[in-house]
Amino acid sequence: DISIMNTTTNMASTLVSFAAPALIAFGASTFGGDGYTLFF
């Protein structure tokens, strides 16, 4: 049970680190600005 909890926690951190640049770039190209508004 603890290993499942740790895996899901680490997976979430990994997915956000992977998706953040694409989401920021999409926000900047779609809405202008620096893209962080859409990200947050």
PDB file of all heavy atoms in Angstrom:
ATOM      1  N   ASP A   1       0.819  -1.205   0.000  1.00  0.00           N
ATOM      2  CA  ASP A   1       0.000   0.000   0.000  1.00  0.00           C
ATOM      3  C   ASP A   1       0.857   1.260   0.000  1.00  0.00           C
ATOM      4  O   ASP A   1       0.563   2.221  -0.704  1.00  0.00           O
ATOM      5  CB  ASP A   1      -0.946   0.001   1.199  1.00  0.00           C
ATOM      6  CG  ASP A   1      -1.969  -1.114   1.130  1.00  0.00           C
ATOM      7  OD1 ASP A   1      -2.247  -1.598   0.013  1.00  0.00           O
ATOM      8  OD2 ASP A   1      -2.487  -1.506   2.186  1.00  0.00           O
ATOM      9  N   ILE A   2       1.922   1.281   0.784  1.00  0.00           N
ATOM     10  CA  ILE A   2       2.807   2.445   0.834  1.00  0.00           C
ATOM     11  C   ILE A   2       3.543   2.615  -0.496  1.00  0.00           C
ATOM     12  O   ILE A   2       3.733   3.730  -0.977  1.00  0.00           O
ATOM     13  CB  ILE A   2       3.784   2.346   2.019  1.00  0.00           C
ATOM     14  CG1 ILE A   2       2.997   2.468   3.325  1.00  0.00           C
ATOM     15  CG2 ILE A   2       4.864   3.408   1.945  1.00  0.00           C
ATOM     16  CD1 ILE A   2       3.814   2.185   4.564  1.00  0.00           C
ATOM     17  N   SER A   3       3.932   1.502  -1.125  1.00  0.00           N
ATOM     18  CA  SER A   3       4.616   1.616  -2.421  1.00  0.00           C
ATOM     19  C   SER A   3       3.677   2.166  -3.492  1.00  0.00           C
ATOM     20  O   SER A   3       4.100   2.934  -4.354  1.00  0.00           O
ATOM     21  CB  SER A   3       5.194   0.270  -2.850  1.00  0.00           C
ATOM     22  OG  SER A   3       4.174  -0.641  -3.167  1.00  0.00           O
ATOM     23  N   ILE A   4       2.400   1.798  -3.434  1.00  0.00           N
ATOM     24  CA  ILE A   4       1.428   2.360  -4.383  1.00  0.00           C
ATOM     25  C   ILE A   4       1.287   3.861  -4.163  1.00  0.00           C
ATOM     26  O   ILE A   4       1.258   4.643  -5.116  1.00  0.00           O
ATOM     27  CB  ILE A   4       0.069   1.637  -4.250  1.00  0.00           C
ATOM     28  CG1 ILE A   4       0.182   0.210  -4.772  1.00  0.00           C
ATOM     29  CG2 ILE A   4      -1.020   2.400  -4.994  1.00  0.00           C
ATOM     30  CD1 ILE A   4      -1.017  -0.643  -4.484  1.00  0.00           C
ATOM     31  N   MET A   5       1.225   4.280  -2.897  1.00  0.00           N
ATOM     32  CA  MET A   5       1.111   5.704  -2.599  1.00  0.00           C
ATOM     33  C   MET A   5       2.338   6.465  -3.118  1.00  0.00           C
ATOM     34  O   MET A   5       2.210   7.515  -3.752  1.00  0.00           O
ATOM     35  CB  MET A   5       0.963   5.929  -1.092  1.00  0.00           C
ATOM     36  CG  MET A   5       0.767   7.387  -0.735  1.00  0.00           C
ATOM     37  SD  MET A   5       0.971   7.753   0.981  1.00  0.00           S
ATOM     38  CE  MET A   5       2.732   7.761   1.149  1.00  0.00           C
ATOM     39  N   ASN A   6       3.524   5.940  -2.878  1.00  0.00           N
ATOM     40  CA  ASN A   6       4.741   6.616  -3.331  1.00  0.00           C
ATOM     41  C   ASN A   6       4.827   6.648  -4.855  1.00  0.00           C
ATOM     42  O   ASN A   6       5.269   7.644  -5.430  1.00  0.00           O
ATOM     43  CB  ASN A   6       5.974   5.953  -2.731  1.00  0.00           C
ATOM     44  CG  ASN A   6       6.129   6.271  -1.269  1.00  0.00           C
ATOM     45  OD1 ASN A   6       5.677   7.298  -0.792  1.00  0.00           O
ATOM     46  ND2 ASN A   6       6.768   5.378  -0.533  1.00  0.00           N
ATOM     47  N   THR A   7       4.401   5.584  -5.511  1.00  0.00           N
ATOM     48  CA  THR A   7       4.424   5.554  -6.970  1.00  0.00           C
ATOM     49  C   THR A   7       3.492   6.605  -7.555  1.00  0.00           C
ATOM     50  O   THR A   7       3.859   7.323  -8.493  1.00  0.00           O
ATOM     51  CB  THR A   7       4.039   4.153  -7.483  1.00  0.00           C
ATOM     52  OG1 THR A   7       4.963   3.209  -6.967  1.00  0.00           O
ATOM     53  CG2 THR A   7       4.038   4.102  -9.000  1.00  0.00           C
ATOM     54  N   THR A   8       2.290   6.713  -7.005  1.00  0.00           N
ATOM     55  CA  THR A   8       1.352   7.700  -7.541  1.00  0.00           C
ATOM     56  C   THR A   8       1.829   9.122  -7.284  1.00  0.00           C
ATOM     57  O   THR A   8       1.649  10.000  -8.135  1.00  0.00           O
ATOM     58  CB  THR A   8      -0.051   7.499  -6.941  1.00  0.00           C
ATOM     59  OG1 THR A   8       0.020   7.559  -5.527  1.00  0.00           O
ATOM     60  CG2 THR A   8      -0.640   6.176  -7.369  1.00  0.00           C
ATOM     61  N   THR A   9       2.453   9.354  -6.141  1.00  0.00           N
ATOM     62  CA  THR A   9       2.984  10.691  -5.850  1.00  0.00           C
ATOM     63  C   THR A   9       4.096  11.055  -6.833  1.00  0.00           C
ATOM     64  O   THR A   9       4.112  12.156  -7.394  1.00  0.00           O
ATOM     65  CB  THR A   9       3.510  10.750  -4.405  1.00  0.00           C
ATOM     66  OG1 THR A   9       2.461  10.423  -3.517  1.00  0.00           O
ATOM     67  CG2 THR A   9       4.066  12.121  -4.081  1.00  0.00           C
ATOM     68  N   ASN A  10       5.017  10.136  -7.052  1.00  0.00           N
ATOM     69  CA  ASN A  10       6.124  10.404  -7.969  1.00  0.00           C
ATOM     70  C   ASN A  10       5.641  10.501  -9.412  1.00  0.00           C
ATOM     71  O   ASN A  10       6.179  11.277 -10.207  1.00  0.00           O
ATOM     72  CB  ASN A  10       7.199   9.331  -7.840  1.00  0.00           C
ATOM     73  CG  ASN A  10       7.922   9.429  -6.518  1.00  0.00           C
ATOM     74  OD1 ASN A  10       8.023  10.496  -5.934  1.00  0.00           O
ATOM     75  ND2 ASN A  10       8.408   8.307  -6.031  1.00  0.00           N
ATOM     76  N   MET A  11       4.621   9.708  -9.769  1.00  0.00           N
ATOM     77  CA  MET A  11       4.095   9.767 -11.130  1.00  0.00           C
ATOM     78  C   MET A  11       3.466  11.132 -11.397  1.00  0.00           C
ATOM     79  O   MET A  11       3.636  11.702 -12.481  1.00  0.00           O
ATOM     80  CB  MET A  11       3.073   8.657 -11.345  1.00  0.00           C
ATOM     81  CG  MET A  11       2.630   8.537 -12.768  1.00  0.00           C
ATOM     82  SD  MET A  11       1.588   7.110 -13.176  1.00  0.00           S
ATOM     83  CE  MET A  11       0.929   6.557 -11.663  1.00  0.00           C
ATOM     84  N   ALA A  12       2.754  11.680 -10.414  1.00  0.00           N
ATOM     85  CA  ALA A  12       2.148  12.997 -10.591  1.00  0.00           C
ATOM     86  C   ALA A  12       3.216  14.066 -10.806  1.00  0.00           C
ATOM     87  O   ALA A  12       3.078  14.927 -11.688  1.00  0.00           O
ATOM     88  CB  ALA A  12       1.282  13.335  -9.387  1.00  0.00           C
ATOM     89  N   SER A  13       4.276  14.020 -10.028  1.00  0.00           N
ATOM     90  CA  SER A  13       5.363  14.996 -10.192  1.00  0.00           C
ATOM     91  C   SER A  13       6.014  14.864 -11.564  1.00  0.00           C
ATOM     92  O   SER A  13       6.349  15.865 -12.200  1.00  0.00           O
ATOM     93  CB  SER A  13       6.415  14.796  -9.101  1.00  0.00           C
ATOM     94  OG  SER A  13       5.852  15.002  -7.839  1.00  0.00           O
ATOM     95  N   THR A  14       6.188  13.646 -12.017  1.00  0.00           N
ATOM     96  CA  THR A  14       6.801  13.424 -13.324  1.00  0.00           C
ATOM     97  C   THR A  14       5.913  13.935 -14.443  1.00  0.00           C
ATOM     98  O   THR A  14       6.390  14.577 -15.387  1.00  0.00           O
ATOM     99  CB  THR A  14       7.076  11.919 -13.514  1.00  0.00           C
ATOM    100  OG1 THR A  14       7.925  11.476 -12.464  1.00  0.00           O
ATOM    101  CG2 THR A  14       7.732  11.641 -14.851  1.00  0.00           C
ATOM    102  N   LEU A  15       4.619  13.660 -14.350  1.00  0.00           N
ATOM    103  CA  LEU A  15       3.703  14.096 -15.408  1.00  0.00           C
ATOM    104  C   LEU A  15       3.613  15.616 -15.489  1.00  0.00           C
ATOM    105  O   LEU A  15       3.561  16.182 -16.592  1.00  0.00           O
ATOM    106  CB  LEU A  15       2.319  13.487 -15.199  1.00  0.00           C
ATOM    107  CG  LEU A  15       2.224  11.977 -15.413  1.00  0.00           C
ATOM    108  CD1 LEU A  15       0.838  11.477 -15.051  1.00  0.00           C
ATOM    109  CD2 LEU A  15       2.582  11.610 -16.835  1.00  0.00           C
ATOM    110  N   VAL A  16       3.596  16.291 -14.346  1.00  0.00           N
ATOM    111  CA  VAL A  16       3.536  17.751 -14.361  1.00  0.00           C
ATOM    112  C   VAL A  16       4.820  18.323 -14.960  1.00  0.00           C
ATOM    113  O   VAL A  16       4.775  19.253 -15.766  1.00  0.00           O
ATOM    114  CB  VAL A  16       3.275  18.306 -12.948  1.00  0.00           C
ATOM    115  CG1 VAL A  16       3.506  19.806 -12.901  1.00  0.00           C
ATOM    116  CG2 VAL A  16       1.868  17.980 -12.507  1.00  0.00           C
ATOM    117  N   SER A  17       5.962  17.759 -14.599  1.00  0.00           N
ATOM    118  CA  SER A  17       7.232  18.247 -15.161  1.00  0.00           C
ATOM    119  C   SER A  17       7.286  18.038 -16.664  1.00  0.00           C
ATOM    120  O   SER A  17       7.881  18.829 -17.395  1.00  0.00           O
ATOM    121  CB  SER A  17       8.405  17.520 -14.499  1.00  0.00           C
ATOM    122  OG  SER A  17       8.431  17.805 -13.132  1.00  0.00           O
ATOM    123  N   PHE A  18       6.669  16.974 -17.150  1.00  0.00           N
ATOM    124  CA  PHE A  18       6.655  16.695 -18.585  1.00  0.00           C
ATOM    125  C   PHE A  18       5.662  17.596 -19.320  1.00  0.00           C
ATOM    126  O   PHE A  18       5.937  18.083 -20.417  1.00  0.00           O
ATOM    127  CB  PHE A  18       6.303  15.220 -18.813  1.00  0.00           C
ATOM    128  CG  PHE A  18       6.176  14.840 -20.251  1.00  0.00           C
ATOM    129  CD1 PHE A  18       7.295  14.703 -21.056  1.00  0.00           C
ATOM    130  CD2 PHE A  18       4.932  14.622 -20.815  1.00  0.00           C
ATOM    131  CE1 PHE A  18       7.183  14.359 -22.386  1.00  0.00           C
ATOM    132  CE2 PHE A  18       4.800  14.276 -22.147  1.00  0.00           C
ATOM    133  CZ  PHE A  18       5.932  14.144 -22.933  1.00  0.00           C
ATOM    134  N   ALA A  19       4.490  17.817 -18.720  1.00  0.00           N
ATOM    135  CA  ALA A  19       3.428  18.551 -19.405  1.00  0.00           C
ATOM    136  C   ALA A  19       3.551  20.069 -19.272  1.00  0.00           C
ATOM    137  O   ALA A  19       2.993  20.802 -20.098  1.00  0.00           O
ATOM    138  CB  ALA A  19       2.066  18.110 -18.867  1.00  0.00           C
ATOM    139  N   ALA A  20       4.239  20.557 -18.266  1.00  0.00           N
ATOM    140  CA  ALA A  20       4.298  22.000 -18.009  1.00  0.00           C
ATOM    141  C   ALA A  20       4.842  22.807 -19.189  1.00  0.00           C
ATOM    142  O   ALA A  20       4.218  23.805 -19.575  1.00  0.00           O
ATOM    143  CB  ALA A  20       5.108  22.271 -16.745  1.00  0.00           C
ATOM    144  N   PRO A  21       5.971  22.440 -19.782  1.00  0.00           N
ATOM    145  CA  PRO A  21       6.459  23.263 -20.903  1.00  0.00           C
ATOM    146  C   PRO A  21       5.478  23.333 -22.069  1.00  0.00           C
ATOM    147  O   PRO A  21       5.286  24.397 -22.663  1.00  0.00           O
ATOM    148  CB  PRO A  21       7.760  22.572 -21.325  1.00  0.00           C
ATOM    149  CG  PRO A  21       8.192  21.811 -20.134  1.00  0.00           C
ATOM    150  CD  PRO A  21       6.935  21.382 -19.438  1.00  0.00           C
ATOM    151  N   ALA A  22       4.835  22.209 -22.383  1.00  0.00           N
ATOM    152  CA  ALA A  22       3.871  22.210 -23.485  1.00  0.00           C
ATOM    153  C   ALA A  22       2.657  23.066 -23.144  1.00  0.00           C
ATOM    154  O   ALA A  22       2.148  23.806 -23.997  1.00  0.00           O
ATOM    155  CB  ALA A  22       3.438  20.778 -23.796  1.00  0.00           C
ATOM    156  N   LEU A  23       2.189  22.986 -21.918  1.00  0.00           N
ATOM    157  CA  LEU A  23       1.029  23.769 -21.502  1.00  0.00           C
ATOM    158  C   LEU A  23       1.350  25.267 -21.472  1.00  0.00           C
ATOM    159  O   LEU A  23       0.534  26.095 -21.897  1.00  0.00           O
ATOM    160  CB  LEU A  23       0.553  23.298 -20.132  1.00  0.00           C
ATOM    161  CG  LEU A  23      -0.781  23.824 -19.639  1.00  0.00           C
ATOM    162  CD1 LEU A  23      -1.892  23.474 -20.620  1.00  0.00           C
ATOM    163  CD2 LEU A  23      -1.094  23.247 -18.271  1.00  0.00           C
ATOM    164  N   ILE A  24       2.539  25.618 -21.005  1.00  0.00           N
ATOM    165  CA  ILE A  24       2.955  27.033 -20.990  1.00  0.00           C
ATOM    166  C   ILE A  24       3.098  27.559 -22.415  1.00  0.00           C
ATOM    167  O   ILE A  24       2.652  28.667 -22.731  1.00  0.00           O
ATOM    168  CB  ILE A  24       4.251  27.203 -20.172  1.00  0.00           C
ATOM    169  CG1 ILE A  24       3.980  26.913 -18.697  1.00  0.00           C
ATOM    170  CG2 ILE A  24       4.845  28.586 -20.358  1.00  0.00           C
ATOM    171  CD1 ILE A  24       5.221  26.787 -17.849  1.00  0.00           C
ATOM    172  N   ALA A  25       3.686  26.756 -23.303  1.00  0.00           N
ATOM    173  CA  ALA A  25       3.830  27.179 -24.700  1.00  0.00           C
ATOM    174  C   ALA A  25       2.464  27.324 -25.369  1.00  0.00           C
ATOM    175  O   ALA A  25       2.234  28.276 -26.121  1.00  0.00           O
ATOM    176  CB  ALA A  25       4.685  26.167 -25.469  1.00  0.00           C
ATOM    177  N   PHE A  26       1.529  26.393 -25.074  1.00  0.00           N
ATOM    178  CA  PHE A  26       0.181  26.491 -25.631  1.00  0.00           C
ATOM    179  C   PHE A  26      -0.516  27.749 -25.122  1.00  0.00           C
ATOM    180  O   PHE A  26      -1.175  28.461 -25.889  1.00  0.00           O
ATOM    181  CB  PHE A  26      -0.628  25.243 -25.271  1.00  0.00           C
ATOM    182  CG  PHE A  26      -2.046  25.301 -25.735  1.00  0.00           C
ATOM    183  CD1 PHE A  26      -2.352  25.146 -27.077  1.00  0.00           C
ATOM    184  CD2 PHE A  26      -3.073  25.534 -24.833  1.00  0.00           C
ATOM    185  CE1 PHE A  26      -3.661  25.206 -27.513  1.00  0.00           C
ATOM    186  CE2 PHE A  26      -4.384  25.596 -25.256  1.00  0.00           C
ATOM    187  CZ  PHE A  26      -4.684  25.425 -26.611  1.00  0.00           C
ATOM    188  N   GLY A  27      -0.362  28.062 -23.839  1.00  0.00           N
ATOM    189  CA  GLY A  27      -0.968  29.263 -23.276  1.00  0.00           C
ATOM    190  C   GLY A  27      -0.398  30.531 -23.884  1.00  0.00           C
ATOM    191  O   GLY A  27      -1.133  31.482 -24.153  1.00  0.00           O
ATOM    192  N   ALA A  28       0.900  30.542 -24.110  1.00  0.00           N
ATOM    193  CA  ALA A  28       1.532  31.730 -24.692  1.00  0.00           C
ATOM    194  C   ALA A  28       1.096  31.928 -26.141  1.00  0.00           C
ATOM    195  O   ALA A  28       0.838  33.056 -26.575  1.00  0.00           O
ATOM    196  CB  ALA A  28       3.048  31.597 -24.599  1.00  0.00           C
ATOM    197  N   SER A  29       0.996  30.829 -26.898  1.00  0.00           N
ATOM    198  CA  SER A  29       0.629  30.974 -28.312  1.00  0.00           C
ATOM    199  C   SER A  29      -0.868  31.242 -28.495  1.00  0.00           C
ATOM    200  O   SER A  29      -1.264  31.926 -29.432  1.00  0.00           O
ATOM    201  CB  SER A  29       1.028  29.724 -29.094  1.00  0.00           C
ATOM    202  OG  SER A  29       0.270  28.614 -28.654  1.00  0.00           O
ATOM    203  N   THR A  30      -1.688  30.734 -27.596  1.00  0.00           N
ATOM    204  CA  THR A  30      -3.138  30.896 -27.743  1.00  0.00           C
ATOM    205  C   THR A  30      -3.649  32.199 -27.144  1.00  0.00           C
ATOM    206  O   THR A  30      -4.434  32.908 -27.768  1.00  0.00           O
ATOM    207  CB  THR A  30      -3.875  29.713 -27.078  1.00  0.00           C
ATOM    208  OG1 THR A  30      -3.376  28.502 -27.629  1.00  0.00           O
ATOM    209  CG2 THR A  30      -5.360  29.795 -27.301  1.00  0.00           C
ATOM    210  N   PHE A  31      -3.194  32.497 -25.925  1.00  0.00           N
ATOM    211  CA  PHE A  31      -3.729  33.657 -25.206  1.00  0.00           C
ATOM    212  C   PHE A  31      -2.749  34.817 -25.111  1.00  0.00           C
ATOM    213  O   PHE A  31      -3.082  35.863 -24.570  1.00  0.00           O
ATOM    214  CB  PHE A  31      -4.150  33.245 -23.794  1.00  0.00           C
ATOM    215  CG  PHE A  31      -5.166  32.145 -23.790  1.00  0.00           C
ATOM    216  CD1 PHE A  31      -4.821  30.872 -23.375  1.00  0.00           C
ATOM    217  CD2 PHE A  31      -6.463  32.367 -24.223  1.00  0.00           C
ATOM    218  CE1 PHE A  31      -5.742  29.849 -23.378  1.00  0.00           C
ATOM    219  CE2 PHE A  31      -7.393  31.344 -24.230  1.00  0.00           C
ATOM    220  CZ  PHE A  31      -7.033  30.082 -23.811  1.00  0.00           C
ATOM    221  N   GLY A  32      -1.538  34.645 -25.599  1.00  0.00           N
ATOM    222  CA  GLY A  32      -0.532  35.689 -25.505  1.00  0.00           C
ATOM    223  C   GLY A  32       0.085  35.721 -24.121  1.00  0.00           C
ATOM    224  O   GLY A  32      -0.199  34.889 -23.270  1.00  0.00           O
ATOM    225  N   GLY A  33       0.918  36.672 -23.888  1.00  0.00           N
ATOM    226  CA  GLY A  33       1.589  36.771 -22.593  1.00  0.00           C
ATOM    227  C   GLY A  33       2.652  35.702 -22.446  1.00  0.00           C
ATOM    228  O   GLY A  33       3.199  35.200 -23.435  1.00  0.00           O
ATOM    229  N   ASP A  34       2.931  35.349 -21.207  1.00  0.00           N
ATOM    230  CA  ASP A  34       3.996  34.378 -20.976  1.00  0.00           C
ATOM    231  C   ASP A  34       3.492  32.939 -20.850  1.00  0.00           C
ATOM    232  O   ASP A  34       4.281  32.020 -20.756  1.00  0.00           O
ATOM    233  CB  ASP A  34       4.798  34.750 -19.731  1.00  0.00           C
ATOM    234  CG  ASP A  34       3.936  34.850 -18.486  1.00  0.00           C
ATOM    235  OD1 ASP A  34       2.742  34.516 -18.557  1.00  0.00           O
ATOM    236  OD2 ASP A  34       4.466  35.256 -17.437  1.00  0.00           O
ATOM    237  N   GLY A  35       2.192  32.724 -20.852  1.00  0.00           N
ATOM    238  CA  GLY A  35       1.631  31.379 -20.817  1.00  0.00           C
ATOM    239  C   GLY A  35       1.410  30.816 -19.429  1.00  0.00           C
ATOM    240  O   GLY A  35       0.787  29.773 -19.274  1.00  0.00           O
ATOM    241  N   TYR A  36       1.902  31.492 -18.410  1.00  0.00           N
ATOM    242  CA  TYR A  36       1.767  30.980 -17.050  1.00  0.00           C
ATOM    243  C   TYR A  36       0.348  31.123 -16.504  1.00  0.00           C
ATOM    244  O   TYR A  36      -0.034  30.386 -15.603  1.00  0.00           O
ATOM    245  CB  TYR A  36       2.765  31.662 -16.114  1.00  0.00           C
ATOM    246  CG  TYR A  36       4.151  31.097 -16.262  1.00  0.00           C
ATOM    247  CD1 TYR A  36       5.080  31.697 -17.099  1.00  0.00           C
ATOM    248  CD2 TYR A  36       4.525  29.954 -15.576  1.00  0.00           C
ATOM    249  CE1 TYR A  36       6.347  31.171 -17.249  1.00  0.00           C
ATOM    250  CE2 TYR A  36       5.786  29.415 -15.715  1.00  0.00           C
ATOM    251  CZ  TYR A  36       6.697  30.030 -16.551  1.00  0.00           C
ATOM    252  OH  TYR A  36       7.941  29.497 -16.694  1.00  0.00           O
ATOM    253  N   THR A  37      -0.436  32.053 -17.052  1.00  0.00           N
ATOM    254  CA  THR A  37      -1.814  32.202 -16.577  1.00  0.00           C
ATOM    255  C   THR A  37      -2.603  30.924 -16.827  1.00  0.00           C
ATOM    256  O   THR A  37      -3.264  30.407 -15.925  1.00  0.00           O
ATOM    257  CB  THR A  37      -2.493  33.399 -17.269  1.00  0.00           C
ATOM    258  OG1 THR A  37      -1.723  34.577 -17.011  1.00  0.00           O
ATOM    259  CG2 THR A  37      -3.906  33.576 -16.769  1.00  0.00           C
ATOM    260  N   LEU A  38      -2.526  30.396 -18.033  1.00  0.00           N
ATOM    261  CA  LEU A  38      -3.211  29.138 -18.344  1.00  0.00           C
ATOM    262  C   LEU A  38      -2.659  28.007 -17.491  1.00  0.00           C
ATOM    263  O   LEU A  38      -3.419  27.175 -16.965  1.00  0.00           O
ATOM    264  CB  LEU A  38      -3.069  28.791 -19.825  1.00  0.00           C
ATOM    265  CG  LEU A  38      -3.676  27.445 -20.227  1.00  0.00           C
ATOM    266  CD1 LEU A  38      -5.191  27.474 -20.069  1.00  0.00           C
ATOM    267  CD2 LEU A  38      -3.273  27.077 -21.637  1.00  0.00           C
ATOM    268  N   PHE A  39      -1.352  27.957 -17.323  1.00  0.00           N
ATOM    269  CA  PHE A  39      -0.715  26.905 -16.533  1.00  0.00           C
ATOM    270  C   PHE A  39      -1.253  26.891 -15.106  1.00  0.00           C
ATOM    271  O   PHE A  39      -1.655  25.841 -14.592  1.00  0.00           O
ATOM    272  CB  PHE A  39       0.810  27.112 -16.545  1.00  0.00           C
ATOM    273  CG  PHE A  39       1.566  26.116 -15.714  1.00  0.00           C
ATOM    274  CD1 PHE A  39       1.602  24.786 -16.076  1.00  0.00           C
ATOM    275  CD2 PHE A  39       2.249  26.526 -14.590  1.00  0.00           C
ATOM    276  CE1 PHE A  39       2.311  23.865 -15.312  1.00  0.00           C
ATOM    277  CE2 PHE A  39       2.957  25.623 -13.825  1.00  0.00           C
ATOM    278  CZ  PHE A  39       2.991  24.286 -14.190  1.00  0.00           C
ATOM    279  N   PHE A  40      -1.306  28.048 -14.462  1.00  0.00           N
ATOM    280  CA  PHE A  40      -1.780  28.094 -13.080  1.00  0.00           C
ATOM    281  C   PHE A  40      -3.286  27.882 -12.984  1.00  0.00           C
ATOM    282  O   PHE A  40      -3.769  27.346 -11.982  1.00  0.00           O
ATOM    283  CB  PHE A  40      -1.348  29.397 -12.405  1.00  0.00           C
ATOM    284  CG  PHE A  40       0.107  29.393 -12.033  1.00  0.00           C
ATOM    285  CD1 PHE A  40       1.000  30.242 -12.665  1.00  0.00           C
ATOM    286  CD2 PHE A  40       0.589  28.532 -11.072  1.00  0.00           C
ATOM    287  CE1 PHE A  40       2.339  30.226 -12.329  1.00  0.00           C
ATOM    288  CE2 PHE A  40       1.927  28.503 -10.729  1.00  0.00           C
ATOM    289  CZ  PHE A  40       2.809  29.352 -11.369  1.00  0.00           C
TER     290      PHE A  40
END
